[in-house]
Protein backbone atom coordinates (compact mmCIF):
# COMPACT_ATOMS: atom_id res chain seq x y z
CA MET A 1 -17.22 2.79 -4.96
CA SER A 2 -15.94 -0.06 -7.09
CA GLY A 3 -13.13 -1.48 -4.98
CA GLN A 4 -11.52 -1.90 -1.59
CA LEU A 5 -8.05 -1.17 -0.25
CA PHE A 6 -6.48 -3.68 2.15
CA VAL A 7 -3.49 -3.35 4.46
CA GLY A 8 -1.37 -6.16 5.90
CA ILE A 9 -0.30 -5.87 9.53
CA PRO A 10 3.15 -7.33 10.33
CA PRO A 11 3.07 -9.80 13.24
CA GLU A 12 4.40 -8.50 16.55
CA ASP A 13 6.66 -11.53 16.96
CA GLY A 14 8.61 -10.53 13.84
CA VAL A 15 8.00 -13.83 12.04
CA THR A 16 7.25 -12.86 8.43
CA ASP A 17 7.11 -16.26 6.69
CA ARG A 18 3.34 -16.59 7.16
CA LEU A 19 0.28 -14.61 6.08
CA TRP A 20 -0.19 -11.30 7.89
CA PRO A 21 -3.53 -10.30 9.40
CA MET A 22 -5.36 -7.95 7.03
CA ARG A 23 -7.96 -5.23 7.36
CA THR A 24 -9.71 -2.88 4.99
CA VAL A 25 -8.92 0.82 4.83
CA ALA A 26 -11.84 3.25 4.77
CA LEU A 27 -12.00 5.24 1.54
CA SER A 28 -13.73 8.52 0.81
CA ASP A 29 -16.76 8.67 -1.46
CA ASP A 30 -14.66 10.48 -4.11
CA SER A 31 -13.65 7.33 -5.98
CA THR A 32 -12.22 9.37 -8.88
CA GLN A 33 -9.07 9.95 -6.79
CA LEU A 34 -8.49 6.21 -6.41
CA GLU A 35 -8.13 5.71 -10.17
CA GLN A 36 -4.70 7.36 -10.02
CA LEU A 37 -3.23 4.62 -7.82
CA LEU A 38 -2.05 1.60 -9.82
CA GLY A 39 0.07 -0.39 -7.38
CA PHE A 40 2.90 -0.73 -4.89
CA GLY A 41 6.33 -2.29 -5.19
CA ARG A 42 9.35 -3.04 -3.02
CA ALA A 43 12.92 -2.93 -4.31
CA PRO A 44 15.49 -5.58 -3.28
CA ASP A 45 17.04 -3.01 -0.89
CA GLY A 46 13.68 -2.60 0.90
CA GLU A 47 12.62 0.77 -0.54
CA LEU A 48 8.86 1.06 -1.09
CA TYR A 49 7.42 2.58 -4.27
CA VAL A 50 3.93 3.73 -5.26
CA ILE A 51 2.98 3.58 -8.94
CA GLY A 52 0.32 5.92 -10.30
CA ASP A 53 -0.94 7.50 -13.51
CA SER A 54 1.58 10.34 -13.16
CA GLY A 55 4.69 8.29 -12.34
CA VAL A 56 6.57 6.21 -9.79
CA TYR A 57 7.17 7.62 -6.31
CA LEU A 58 9.61 6.50 -3.61
CA LEU A 59 8.06 6.52 -0.14
CA ALA A 60 10.41 8.01 2.42
CA GLN A 61 10.15 8.14 6.19
CA ALA A 62 9.09 11.56 7.48
CA GLY A 63 11.55 13.48 9.58
């Protein structure tokens, strides 16, 4: 594997003007799948997007 994926954990007190605690996310040994993920972005209205080799995807809440 040639990289790591990190996730930020929002503080429980709701204060977001400081660095969030971070941890690594376990990845599978099939690193060829990771090449498709290029980045993440957030729109001014708060919507979260994932950018990959095949396009841009809006993440929506399940349900």
